[in-house]
């Protein structure tokens, strides 16, 4: 019987990380999760089926990182301080988690001769680009500490690929949504906040004029991108946009959620623009299609319906997520 491939998922108790972990398990891999549970939830791990090991630890802790990486084949690095606004308010913490943590993980992966590390980057590295679609070879113009740490993390991955022989792939996620996305933090993404607020019959806040647009894509596409990046040949040191190549305004998102929940009378409350927010993001995914074989898995509308249904069924808007 052949030995199972062992995959470490940092941040594997979180929203995206738990979905990636499940995707790996469904492919017959063994999964090890490193998570400090600062935002991740143990119930996400407990619901997984397959060969799963959980290590409670922080990517800033070199000993915890070394223990987690040891005897692994692949590393999927999703642990991060993710919120743009939070990074503006606490830039040192963002640096320590996203930069120092990433460097410690790269060092451990190199030391233990990991086959490949897949790094979670972000569309925020582009900043407020004026182009219609963003390509991987566009100049990076990060406009927040969070975005700066992701850009720097990509450069570190490229350096480790070229200088130390560690294969790395960076995936620039655009705006991911789906089940398990936590609406309870003030740093949360717009879709879970809108769903929770509308379910409560309240008016959600929209910062700026609501015309700002994002490339929203359902979480299963990110899972597929990670699985493809794990095996693709000739892509070490590369970065890839992961999105839908379609854009949706914040106002459109709000109206779509109202329609699904049949709450036509609820109106938003418009607030000033927040620091670090950009006007629009739209991914050119042709490189990922060509070199990874990436394809969008679920279109926006059915993905949004599945997400809303999950919130309703789990009662998460009443505190059921905890």
C-alpha atoms as a PDB file:
ATOM      1  CA  UNK A   1       0.000   0.000   0.000  1.00  0.00           C
ATOM      2  CA  UNK A   2       1.497   3.341  -1.024  1.00  0.00           C
ATOM      3  CA  UNK A   3       2.190   6.000   1.584  1.00  0.00           C
ATOM      4  CA  UNK A   4      -0.305   8.853   1.668  1.00  0.00           C
ATOM      5  CA  UNK A   5       0.849  12.326   0.729  1.00  0.00           C
ATOM      6  CA  UNK A   6       0.988  14.525   3.840  1.00  0.00           C
ATOM      7  CA  UNK A   7      -0.132  18.140   3.405  1.00  0.00           C
ATOM      8  CA  UNK A   8       0.217  20.897   5.985  1.00  0.00           C
ATOM      9  CA  UNK A   9      -2.483  23.577   5.879  1.00  0.00           C
ATOM     10  CA  UNK A  10      -1.675  26.610   8.005  1.00  0.00           C
ATOM     11  CA  UNK A  11      -4.849  28.415   8.997  1.00  0.00           C
ATOM     12  CA  UNK A  12      -6.738  25.204   8.276  1.00  0.00           C
ATOM     13  CA  UNK A  13      -9.421  25.912  10.888  1.00  0.00           C
ATOM     14  CA  UNK A  14     -10.402  29.129   9.122  1.00  0.00           C
ATOM     15  CA  UNK A  15     -12.854  29.882   6.338  1.00  0.00           C
ATOM     16  CA  UNK A  16     -10.750  29.191   3.241  1.00  0.00           C
ATOM     17  CA  UNK A  17      -8.221  26.944   4.965  1.00  0.00           C
ATOM     18  CA  UNK A  18     -10.858  24.477   6.135  1.00  0.00           C
ATOM     19  CA  UNK A  19     -12.244  24.187   2.608  1.00  0.00           C
ATOM     20  CA  UNK A  20      -8.739  23.593   1.211  1.00  0.00           C
ATOM     21  CA  UNK A  21      -8.106  20.948   3.884  1.00  0.00           C
ATOM     22  CA  UNK A  22     -11.347  19.175   2.968  1.00  0.00           C
ATOM     23  CA  UNK A  23     -10.442  19.299  -0.718  1.00  0.00           C
ATOM     24  CA  UNK A  24      -7.113  17.637   0.022  1.00  0.00           C
ATOM     25  CA  UNK A  25      -8.789  14.972   2.162  1.00  0.00           C
ATOM     26  CA  UNK A  26     -11.287  14.177  -0.600  1.00  0.00           C
ATOM     27  CA  UNK A  27      -8.327  13.497  -2.898  1.00  0.00           C
ATOM     28  CA  UNK A  28      -6.994  10.902  -0.439  1.00  0.00           C
ATOM     29  CA  UNK A  29      -4.251  12.995   1.162  1.00  0.00           C
ATOM     30  CA  UNK A  30      -3.388  13.127   4.849  1.00  0.00           C
ATOM     31  CA  UNK A  31      -3.816  16.613   6.284  1.00  0.00           C
ATOM     32  CA  UNK A  32      -2.058  18.324   9.160  1.00  0.00           C
ATOM     33  CA  UNK A  33      -3.474  21.652  10.323  1.00  0.00           C
ATOM     34  CA  UNK A  34      -1.565  24.397  12.132  1.00  0.00           C
ATOM     35  CA  UNK A  35      -3.865  27.072  13.541  1.00  0.00           C
ATOM     36  CA  UNK A  36      -3.823  29.256  16.653  1.00  0.00           C
ATOM     37  CA  UNK A  37      -7.657  29.512  16.592  1.00  0.00           C
ATOM     38  CA  UNK A  38      -7.528  33.301  16.862  1.00  0.00           C
ATOM     39  CA  UNK A  39     -10.088  33.456  14.060  1.00  0.00           C
ATOM     40  CA  UNK A  40     -10.360  29.805  13.015  1.00  0.00           C
ATOM     41  CA  UNK A  41     -12.878  27.472  14.644  1.00  0.00           C
ATOM     42  CA  UNK A  42     -12.256  23.993  15.962  1.00  0.00           C
ATOM     43  CA  UNK A  43     -15.691  22.870  14.794  1.00  0.00           C
ATOM     44  CA  UNK A  44     -14.502  23.253  11.193  1.00  0.00           C
ATOM     45  CA  UNK A  45     -11.746  20.703  11.896  1.00  0.00           C
ATOM     46  CA  UNK A  46     -13.969  18.355  13.891  1.00  0.00           C
ATOM     47  CA  UNK A  47     -16.372  18.102  10.975  1.00  0.00           C
ATOM     48  CA  UNK A  48     -13.684  16.860   8.563  1.00  0.00           C
ATOM     49  CA  UNK A  49     -13.613  13.261   7.393  1.00  0.00           C
ATOM     50  CA  UNK A  50     -10.303  11.556   6.776  1.00  0.00           C
ATOM     51  CA  UNK A  51      -6.783  11.434   8.146  1.00  0.00           C
ATOM     52  CA  UNK A  52      -6.527  14.795   9.954  1.00  0.00           C
ATOM     53  CA  UNK A  53      -4.045  15.932  12.597  1.00  0.00           C
ATOM     54  CA  UNK A  54      -4.523  19.257  14.375  1.00  0.00           C
ATOM     55  CA  UNK A  55      -1.711  21.264  15.961  1.00  0.00           C
ATOM     56  CA  UNK A  56      -2.669  24.351  17.916  1.00  0.00           C
ATOM     57  CA  UNK A  57       0.147  26.779  17.244  1.00  0.00           C
ATOM     58  CA  UNK A  58       1.165  30.093  15.755  1.00  0.00           C
ATOM     59  CA  UNK A  59       3.171  30.670  12.577  1.00  0.00           C
ATOM     60  CA  UNK A  60       5.271  33.167  14.536  1.00  0.00           C
ATOM     61  CA  UNK A  61       6.469  30.319  16.789  1.00  0.00           C
ATOM     62  CA  UNK A  62       9.469  28.697  15.071  1.00  0.00           C
ATOM     63  CA  UNK A  63       9.205  25.510  17.168  1.00  0.00           C
ATOM     64  CA  UNK A  64       5.513  25.049  16.353  1.00  0.00           C
ATOM     65  CA  UNK A  65       6.224  25.666  12.675  1.00  0.00           C
ATOM     66  CA  UNK A  66       9.089  23.162  12.624  1.00  0.00           C
ATOM     67  CA  UNK A  67       6.941  20.517  14.307  1.00  0.00           C
ATOM     68  CA  UNK A  68       4.124  21.112  11.829  1.00  0.00           C
ATOM     69  CA  UNK A  69       6.332  21.002   8.728  1.00  0.00           C
ATOM     70  CA  UNK A  70       8.339  17.919   9.727  1.00  0.00           C
ATOM     71  CA  UNK A  71       7.588  14.861   7.547  1.00  0.00           C
ATOM     72  CA  UNK A  72       5.167  16.768   5.312  1.00  0.00           C
ATOM     73  CA  UNK A  73       5.227  16.630   1.523  1.00  0.00           C
ATOM     74  CA  UNK A  74       3.422  19.884   0.708  1.00  0.00           C
ATOM     75  CA  UNK A  75       2.611  23.093   2.572  1.00  0.00           C
ATOM     76  CA  UNK A  76      -0.433  25.275   1.927  1.00  0.00           C
ATOM     77  CA  UNK A  77       0.135  28.566   3.727  1.00  0.00           C
ATOM     78  CA  UNK A  78      -3.197  30.256   4.452  1.00  0.00           C
ATOM     79  CA  UNK A  79      -2.610  31.494   8.015  1.00  0.00           C
ATOM     80  CA  UNK A  80      -2.567  35.287   8.020  1.00  0.00           C
ATOM     81  CA  UNK A  81      -3.787  38.502   9.499  1.00  0.00           C
ATOM     82  CA  UNK A  82      -6.251  39.063   6.654  1.00  0.00           C
ATOM     83  CA  UNK A  83      -8.143  42.297   7.184  1.00  0.00           C
ATOM     84  CA  UNK A  84      -6.980  45.433   5.378  1.00  0.00           C
ATOM     85  CA  UNK A  85      -8.506  47.756   7.985  1.00  0.00           C
ATOM     86  CA  UNK A  86      -7.042  45.735  10.850  1.00  0.00           C
ATOM     87  CA  UNK A  87      -3.588  46.003   9.282  1.00  0.00           C
ATOM     88  CA  UNK A  88      -3.991  49.787   9.002  1.00  0.00           C
ATOM     89  CA  UNK A  89      -4.785  49.958  12.713  1.00  0.00           C
ATOM     90  CA  UNK A  90      -2.128  47.431  13.787  1.00  0.00           C
ATOM     91  CA  UNK A  91       0.628  47.321  11.140  1.00  0.00           C
ATOM     92  CA  UNK A  92       3.228  45.720  13.404  1.00  0.00           C
ATOM     93  CA  UNK A  93       0.984  42.743  14.127  1.00  0.00           C
ATOM     94  CA  UNK A  94       0.250  42.366  10.414  1.00  0.00           C
ATOM     95  CA  UNK A  95       3.987  42.336   9.723  1.00  0.00           C
ATOM     96  CA  UNK A  96       4.756  39.812  12.449  1.00  0.00           C
ATOM     97  CA  UNK A  97       2.034  37.376  11.396  1.00  0.00           C
ATOM     98  CA  UNK A  98       2.180  37.757   7.628  1.00  0.00           C
ATOM     99  CA  UNK A  99       5.872  38.449   7.087  1.00  0.00           C
ATOM    100  CA  UNK A 100       7.786  36.922   9.996  1.00  0.00           C
ATOM    101  CA  UNK A 101       5.425  33.939  10.066  1.00  0.00           C
ATOM    102  CA  UNK A 102       5.819  33.363   6.333  1.00  0.00           C
ATOM    103  CA  UNK A 103       9.604  33.582   6.497  1.00  0.00           C
ATOM    104  CA  UNK A 104       9.752  31.079   9.368  1.00  0.00           C
ATOM    105  CA  UNK A 105       7.548  28.719   7.382  1.00  0.00           C
ATOM    106  CA  UNK A 106       9.714  29.062   4.267  1.00  0.00           C
ATOM    107  CA  UNK A 107      12.844  28.347   6.289  1.00  0.00           C
ATOM    108  CA  UNK A 108      11.282  25.241   7.834  1.00  0.00           C
ATOM    109  CA  UNK A 109       9.971  24.050   4.465  1.00  0.00           C
ATOM    110  CA  UNK A 110      13.420  24.456   2.932  1.00  0.00           C
ATOM    111  CA  UNK A 111      15.099  22.708   5.857  1.00  0.00           C
ATOM    112  CA  UNK A 112      12.731  19.727   5.695  1.00  0.00           C
ATOM    113  CA  UNK A 113      12.887  19.535   1.885  1.00  0.00           C
ATOM    114  CA  UNK A 114       9.189  20.054   1.248  1.00  0.00           C
ATOM    115  CA  UNK A 115       8.188  19.319  -2.355  1.00  0.00           C
ATOM    116  CA  UNK A 116       6.274  22.584  -2.794  1.00  0.00           C
ATOM    117  CA  UNK A 117       4.815  25.459  -0.765  1.00  0.00           C
ATOM    118  CA  UNK A 118       1.642  27.161  -2.003  1.00  0.00           C
ATOM    119  CA  UNK A 119       1.417  30.709  -0.655  1.00  0.00           C
ATOM    120  CA  UNK A 120      -1.858  32.565  -0.261  1.00  0.00           C
ATOM    121  CA  UNK A 121      -1.485  36.068  -1.656  1.00  0.00           C
ATOM    122  CA  UNK A 122      -4.135  38.658  -2.483  1.00  0.00           C
ATOM    123  CA  UNK A 123      -5.426  40.924  -5.223  1.00  0.00           C
ATOM    124  CA  UNK A 124      -4.713  43.804  -2.825  1.00  0.00           C
ATOM    125  CA  UNK A 125      -1.072  43.736  -3.991  1.00  0.00           C
ATOM    126  CA  UNK A 126      -2.187  45.628  -7.129  1.00  0.00           C
ATOM    127  CA  UNK A 127      -3.639  48.600  -5.249  1.00  0.00           C
ATOM    128  CA  UNK A 128      -5.949  51.022  -7.079  1.00  0.00           C
ATOM    129  CA  UNK A 129      -5.091  49.990 -10.603  1.00  0.00           C
ATOM    130  CA  UNK A 130      -6.662  51.924 -13.469  1.00  0.00           C
ATOM    131  CA  UNK A 131      -6.588  49.010 -15.905  1.00  0.00           C
ATOM    132  CA  UNK A 132      -9.789  47.104 -16.614  1.00  0.00           C
ATOM    133  CA  UNK A 133      -8.214  43.730 -15.863  1.00  0.00           C
ATOM    134  CA  UNK A 134      -5.243  42.992 -13.652  1.00  0.00           C
ATOM    135  CA  UNK A 135      -2.440  40.783 -14.941  1.00  0.00           C
ATOM    136  CA  UNK A 136       0.301  39.098 -12.954  1.00  0.00           C
ATOM    137  CA  UNK A 137       3.011  41.158 -14.664  1.00  0.00           C
ATOM    138  CA  UNK A 138       1.398  44.490 -13.694  1.00  0.00           C
ATOM    139  CA  UNK A 139       3.326  46.707 -11.299  1.00  0.00           C
ATOM    140  CA  UNK A 140       2.432  45.970  -7.680  1.00  0.00           C
ATOM    141  CA  UNK A 141       1.212  49.038  -5.769  1.00  0.00           C
ATOM    142  CA  UNK A 142       0.060  47.899  -2.318  1.00  0.00           C
ATOM    143  CA  UNK A 143      -1.922  50.538  -0.419  1.00  0.00           C
ATOM    144  CA  UNK A 144      -2.178  48.954   3.030  1.00  0.00           C
ATOM    145  CA  UNK A 145       0.148  47.132   5.429  1.00  0.00           C
ATOM    146  CA  UNK A 146      -1.752  43.916   4.667  1.00  0.00           C
ATOM    147  CA  UNK A 147      -1.181  44.314   0.926  1.00  0.00           C
ATOM    148  CA  UNK A 148       2.484  45.155   1.505  1.00  0.00           C
ATOM    149  CA  UNK A 149       2.998  41.967   3.518  1.00  0.00           C
ATOM    150  CA  UNK A 150       1.415  39.867   0.789  1.00  0.00           C
ATOM    151  CA  UNK A 151       3.573  41.433  -1.919  1.00  0.00           C
ATOM    152  CA  UNK A 152       6.681  40.883   0.194  1.00  0.00           C
ATOM    153  CA  UNK A 153       5.597  37.301   0.897  1.00  0.00           C
ATOM    154  CA  UNK A 154       5.452  36.652  -2.837  1.00  0.00           C
ATOM    155  CA  UNK A 155       8.965  38.025  -3.282  1.00  0.00           C
ATOM    156  CA  UNK A 156      10.235  35.801  -0.485  1.00  0.00           C
ATOM    157  CA  UNK A 157       8.622  32.784  -2.146  1.00  0.00           C
ATOM    158  CA  UNK A 158      10.280  33.643  -5.445  1.00  0.00           C
ATOM    159  CA  UNK A 159      13.653  34.078  -3.728  1.00  0.00           C
ATOM    160  CA  UNK A 160      13.373  30.731  -1.938  1.00  0.00           C
ATOM    161  CA  UNK A 161      12.476  29.108  -5.241  1.00  0.00           C
ATOM    162  CA  UNK A 162      15.490  30.581  -7.024  1.00  0.00           C
ATOM    163  CA  UNK A 163      18.140  30.546  -4.288  1.00  0.00           C
ATOM    164  CA  UNK A 164      17.245  27.638  -2.038  1.00  0.00           C
ATOM    165  CA  UNK A 165      15.586  25.160  -4.384  1.00  0.00           C
ATOM    166  CA  UNK A 166      12.222  25.240  -2.597  1.00  0.00           C
ATOM    167  CA  UNK A 167       9.385  25.076  -5.105  1.00  0.00           C
ATOM    168  CA  UNK A 168       6.772  27.751  -4.404  1.00  0.00           C
ATOM    169  CA  UNK A 169       3.585  28.970  -6.060  1.00  0.00           C
ATOM    170  CA  UNK A 170       1.748  32.159  -5.046  1.00  0.00           C
ATOM    171  CA  UNK A 171      -2.011  32.404  -5.554  1.00  0.00           C
ATOM    172  CA  UNK A 172      -3.473  35.910  -5.633  1.00  0.00           C
ATOM    173  CA  UNK A 173      -7.027  35.416  -4.419  1.00  0.00           C
ATOM    174  CA  UNK A 174      -9.539  38.024  -5.408  1.00  0.00           C
ATOM    175  CA  UNK A 175     -12.735  38.228  -3.296  1.00  0.00           C
ATOM    176  CA  UNK A 176     -13.597  34.771  -2.008  1.00  0.00           C
ATOM    177  CA  UNK A 177     -16.953  33.982  -0.406  1.00  0.00           C
ATOM    178  CA  UNK A 178     -18.851  30.925   0.780  1.00  0.00           C
ATOM    179  CA  UNK A 179     -19.995  28.918   3.805  1.00  0.00           C
ATOM    180  CA  UNK A 180     -18.067  29.378   7.081  1.00  0.00           C
ATOM    181  CA  UNK A 181     -17.062  32.958   6.353  1.00  0.00           C
ATOM    182  CA  UNK A 182     -17.369  34.660   9.725  1.00  0.00           C
ATOM    183  CA  UNK A 183     -19.569  37.797   9.856  1.00  0.00           C
ATOM    184  CA  UNK A 184     -18.955  38.545  13.515  1.00  0.00           C
ATOM    185  CA  UNK A 185     -15.798  40.641  13.290  1.00  0.00           C
ATOM    186  CA  UNK A 186     -15.920  44.278  12.224  1.00  0.00           C
ATOM    187  CA  UNK A 187     -13.149  43.333   9.789  1.00  0.00           C
ATOM    188  CA  UNK A 188     -15.294  40.704   8.070  1.00  0.00           C
ATOM    189  CA  UNK A 189     -15.946  40.607   4.349  1.00  0.00           C
ATOM    190  CA  UNK A 190     -19.017  42.272   2.911  1.00  0.00           C
ATOM    191  CA  UNK A 191     -21.045  39.205   1.883  1.00  0.00           C
ATOM    192  CA  UNK A 192     -21.316  37.479   5.295  1.00  0.00           C
ATOM    193  CA  UNK A 193     -21.984  40.823   6.980  1.00  0.00           C
ATOM    194  CA  UNK A 194     -24.776  41.626   4.513  1.00  0.00           C
ATOM    195  CA  UNK A 195     -26.339  38.184   4.925  1.00  0.00           C
ATOM    196  CA  UNK A 196     -26.296  38.332   8.709  1.00  0.00           C
ATOM    197  CA  UNK A 197     -27.592  41.905   8.848  1.00  0.00           C
ATOM    198  CA  UNK A 198     -30.424  41.336   6.376  1.00  0.00           C
ATOM    199  CA  UNK A 199     -31.429  38.128   8.176  1.00  0.00           C
ATOM    200  CA  UNK A 200     -31.802  40.199  11.337  1.00  0.00           C
ATOM    201  CA  UNK A 201     -33.977  42.696   9.477  1.00  0.00           C
ATOM    202  CA  UNK A 202     -31.441  45.492   9.912  1.00  0.00           C
ATOM    203  CA  UNK A 203     -29.828  47.935   7.486  1.00  0.00           C
ATOM    204  CA  UNK A 204     -26.212  47.098   6.646  1.00  0.00           C
ATOM    205  CA  UNK A 205     -23.537  49.756   6.334  1.00  0.00           C
ATOM    206  CA  UNK A 206     -21.980  50.334   2.931  1.00  0.00           C
ATOM    207  CA  UNK A 207     -18.745  52.288   2.991  1.00  0.00           C
ATOM    208  CA  UNK A 208     -18.201  54.656   0.054  1.00  0.00           C
ATOM    209  CA  UNK A 209     -21.010  54.849  -2.542  1.00  0.00           C
ATOM    210  CA  UNK A 210     -21.451  51.117  -3.120  1.00  0.00           C
ATOM    211  CA  UNK A 211     -20.303  51.418  -6.724  1.00  0.00           C
ATOM    212  CA  UNK A 212     -16.889  49.990  -5.888  1.00  0.00           C
ATOM    213  CA  UNK A 213     -16.601  46.579  -7.520  1.00  0.00           C
ATOM    214  CA  UNK A 214     -14.774  43.350  -6.810  1.00  0.00           C
ATOM    215  CA  UNK A 215     -14.066  40.069  -8.550  1.00  0.00           C
ATOM    216  CA  UNK A 216     -16.124  37.787  -6.290  1.00  0.00           C
ATOM    217  CA  UNK A 217     -15.750  34.027  -6.624  1.00  0.00           C
ATOM    218  CA  UNK A 218     -17.106  31.066  -4.680  1.00  0.00           C
ATOM    219  CA  UNK A 219     -14.698  29.218  -2.406  1.00  0.00           C
ATOM    220  CA  UNK A 220     -14.644  25.957  -4.392  1.00  0.00           C
ATOM    221  CA  UNK A 221     -12.631  27.690  -7.128  1.00  0.00           C
ATOM    222  CA  UNK A 222      -9.911  28.525  -4.609  1.00  0.00           C
ATOM    223  CA  UNK A 223      -9.834  24.905  -3.464  1.00  0.00           C
ATOM    224  CA  UNK A 224      -9.410  23.767  -7.056  1.00  0.00           C
ATOM    225  CA  UNK A 225      -6.649  26.337  -7.630  1.00  0.00           C
ATOM    226  CA  UNK A 226      -4.684  25.006  -4.651  1.00  0.00           C
ATOM    227  CA  UNK A 227      -5.041  21.409  -5.815  1.00  0.00           C
ATOM    228  CA  UNK A 228      -3.865  22.372  -9.301  1.00  0.00           C
ATOM    229  CA  UNK A 229      -0.939  24.425  -7.957  1.00  0.00           C
ATOM    230  CA  UNK A 230       0.158  21.419  -5.930  1.00  0.00           C
ATOM    231  CA  UNK A 231       0.839  19.298  -9.026  1.00  0.00           C
ATOM    232  CA  UNK A 232       1.399  21.668 -11.965  1.00  0.00           C
ATOM    233  CA  UNK A 233       4.781  21.399 -13.666  1.00  0.00           C
ATOM    234  CA  UNK A 234       7.130  24.230 -14.505  1.00  0.00           C
ATOM    235  CA  UNK A 235       5.450  26.866 -12.319  1.00  0.00           C
ATOM    236  CA  UNK A 236       7.827  27.209  -9.368  1.00  0.00           C
ATOM    237  CA  UNK A 237       8.305  30.838  -8.354  1.00  0.00           C
ATOM    238  CA  UNK A 238       5.230  31.965 -10.286  1.00  0.00           C
ATOM    239  CA  UNK A 239       2.223  33.978  -9.091  1.00  0.00           C
ATOM    240  CA  UNK A 240      -1.324  33.449 -10.385  1.00  0.00           C
ATOM    241  CA  UNK A 241      -4.542  35.439 -10.241  1.00  0.00           C
ATOM    242  CA  UNK A 242      -7.399  33.353  -8.858  1.00  0.00           C
ATOM    243  CA  UNK A 243     -10.811  34.853  -9.533  1.00  0.00           C
ATOM    244  CA  UNK A 244     -13.814  34.754 -11.849  1.00  0.00           C
ATOM    245  CA  UNK A 245     -12.825  37.454 -14.378  1.00  0.00           C
ATOM    246  CA  UNK A 246     -16.195  39.074 -13.597  1.00  0.00           C
ATOM    247  CA  UNK A 247     -16.894  42.053 -11.339  1.00  0.00           C
ATOM    248  CA  UNK A 248     -19.811  42.864  -9.073  1.00  0.00           C
ATOM    249  CA  UNK A 249     -20.496  46.128  -7.255  1.00  0.00           C
ATOM    250  CA  UNK A 250     -21.198  46.234  -3.537  1.00  0.00           C
ATOM    251  CA  UNK A 251     -24.670  47.609  -4.302  1.00  0.00           C
ATOM    252  CA  UNK A 252     -25.311  44.645  -6.617  1.00  0.00           C
ATOM    253  CA  UNK A 253     -24.249  42.201  -3.891  1.00  0.00           C
ATOM    254  CA  UNK A 254     -26.591  43.820  -1.374  1.00  0.00           C
ATOM    255  CA  UNK A 255     -29.554  43.776  -3.758  1.00  0.00           C
ATOM    256  CA  UNK A 256     -28.894  40.143  -4.718  1.00  0.00           C
ATOM    257  CA  UNK A 257     -28.875  39.075  -1.053  1.00  0.00           C
ATOM    258  CA  UNK A 258     -32.093  41.014  -0.399  1.00  0.00           C
ATOM    259  CA  UNK A 259     -33.730  39.235  -3.317  1.00  0.00           C
ATOM    260  CA  UNK A 260     -32.656  35.758  -2.175  1.00  0.00           C
ATOM    261  CA  UNK A 261     -33.949  36.439   1.347  1.00  0.00           C
ATOM    262  CA  UNK A 262     -37.079  38.246   0.120  1.00  0.00           C
ATOM    263  CA  UNK A 263     -36.396  41.378   2.177  1.00  0.00           C
ATOM    264  CA  UNK A 264     -37.128  44.119  -0.409  1.00  0.00           C
ATOM    265  CA  UNK A 265     -37.810  46.905   2.103  1.00  0.00           C
ATOM    266  CA  UNK A 266     -34.359  46.936   3.733  1.00  0.00           C
ATOM    267  CA  UNK A 267     -32.169  49.867   2.689  1.00  0.00           C
ATOM    268  CA  UNK A 268     -28.431  50.288   3.297  1.00  0.00           C
ATOM    269  CA  UNK A 269     -26.804  53.057   5.320  1.00  0.00           C
ATOM    270  CA  UNK A 270     -23.971  54.686   3.387  1.00  0.00           C
ATOM    271  CA  UNK A 271     -20.797  55.569   5.306  1.00  0.00           C
ATOM    272  CA  UNK A 272     -17.506  57.254   4.336  1.00  0.00           C
ATOM    273  CA  UNK A 273     -14.787  55.369   2.478  1.00  0.00           C
ATOM    274  CA  UNK A 274     -12.458  53.371   4.732  1.00  0.00           C
ATOM    275  CA  UNK A 275      -8.651  53.676   4.703  1.00  0.00           C
ATOM    276  CA  UNK A 276      -7.014  51.180   2.354  1.00  0.00           C
ATOM    277  CA  UNK A 277     -10.125  50.502   0.246  1.00  0.00           C
ATOM    278  CA  UNK A 278      -9.644  50.443  -3.537  1.00  0.00           C
ATOM    279  CA  UNK A 279     -12.195  51.287  -6.251  1.00  0.00           C
ATOM    280  CA  UNK A 280     -12.224  48.082  -8.259  1.00  0.00           C
ATOM    281  CA  UNK A 281     -10.493  44.770  -8.797  1.00  0.00           C
ATOM    282  CA  UNK A 282     -10.918  42.408 -11.727  1.00  0.00           C
ATOM    283  CA  UNK A 283      -8.700  39.412 -12.423  1.00  0.00           C
ATOM    284  CA  UNK A 284      -7.247  38.376 -15.737  1.00  0.00           C
ATOM    285  CA  UNK A 285      -7.117  34.617 -15.133  1.00  0.00           C
ATOM    286  CA  UNK A 286      -5.648  33.607 -18.499  1.00  0.00           C
ATOM    287  CA  UNK A 287      -2.271  32.660 -16.976  1.00  0.00           C
ATOM    288  CA  UNK A 288      -3.891  30.359 -14.408  1.00  0.00           C
ATOM    289  CA  UNK A 289      -6.012  28.808 -17.150  1.00  0.00           C
ATOM    290  CA  UNK A 290      -2.992  28.215 -19.351  1.00  0.00           C
ATOM    291  CA  UNK A 291      -0.436  26.952 -16.828  1.00  0.00           C
ATOM    292  CA  UNK A 292      -2.572  25.457 -14.057  1.00  0.00           C
ATOM    293  CA  UNK A 293      -5.671  24.382 -15.970  1.00  0.00           C
ATOM    294  CA  UNK A 294      -7.738  26.566 -13.643  1.00  0.00           C
ATOM    295  CA  UNK A 295     -11.460  27.005 -14.273  1.00  0.00           C
ATOM    296  CA  UNK A 296     -14.189  28.716 -12.274  1.00  0.00           C
ATOM    297  CA  UNK A 297     -16.099  25.968 -10.466  1.00  0.00           C
ATOM    298  CA  UNK A 298     -19.346  27.712  -9.456  1.00  0.00           C
ATOM    299  CA  UNK A 299     -20.875  30.861 -10.939  1.00  0.00           C
ATOM    300  CA  UNK A 300     -21.608  33.829  -8.684  1.00  0.00           C
ATOM    301  CA  UNK A 301     -25.411  33.552  -8.397  1.00  0.00           C
ATOM    302  CA  UNK A 302     -25.628  29.861  -7.418  1.00  0.00           C
ATOM    303  CA  UNK A 303     -22.622  30.327  -5.137  1.00  0.00           C
ATOM    304  CA  UNK A 304     -24.316  33.231  -3.375  1.00  0.00           C
ATOM    305  CA  UNK A 305     -27.522  31.187  -3.017  1.00  0.00           C
ATOM    306  CA  UNK A 306     -25.563  28.290  -1.478  1.00  0.00           C
ATOM    307  CA  UNK A 307     -23.865  30.690   0.917  1.00  0.00           C
ATOM    308  CA  UNK A 308     -27.122  32.303   2.035  1.00  0.00           C
ATOM    309  CA  UNK A 309     -28.710  28.861   2.452  1.00  0.00           C
ATOM    310  CA  UNK A 310     -25.802  27.773   4.661  1.00  0.00           C
ATOM    311  CA  UNK A 311     -26.237  30.793   6.926  1.00  0.00           C
ATOM    312  CA  UNK A 312     -29.963  30.121   7.226  1.00  0.00           C
ATOM    313  CA  UNK A 313     -29.592  26.375   7.809  1.00  0.00           C
ATOM    314  CA  UNK A 314     -26.824  26.648  10.409  1.00  0.00           C
ATOM    315  CA  UNK A 315     -28.419  29.567  12.232  1.00  0.00           C
ATOM    316  CA  UNK A 316     -25.017  31.246  12.181  1.00  0.00           C
ATOM    317  CA  UNK A 317     -26.618  34.697  12.216  1.00  0.00           C
ATOM    318  CA  UNK A 318     -27.935  33.816  15.685  1.00  0.00           C
ATOM    319  CA  UNK A 319     -24.503  32.897  16.958  1.00  0.00           C
ATOM    320  CA  UNK A 320     -24.505  29.331  15.687  1.00  0.00           C
ATOM    321  CA  UNK A 321     -21.047  29.676  14.190  1.00  0.00           C
ATOM    322  CA  UNK A 322     -19.503  29.654  17.602  1.00  0.00           C
END
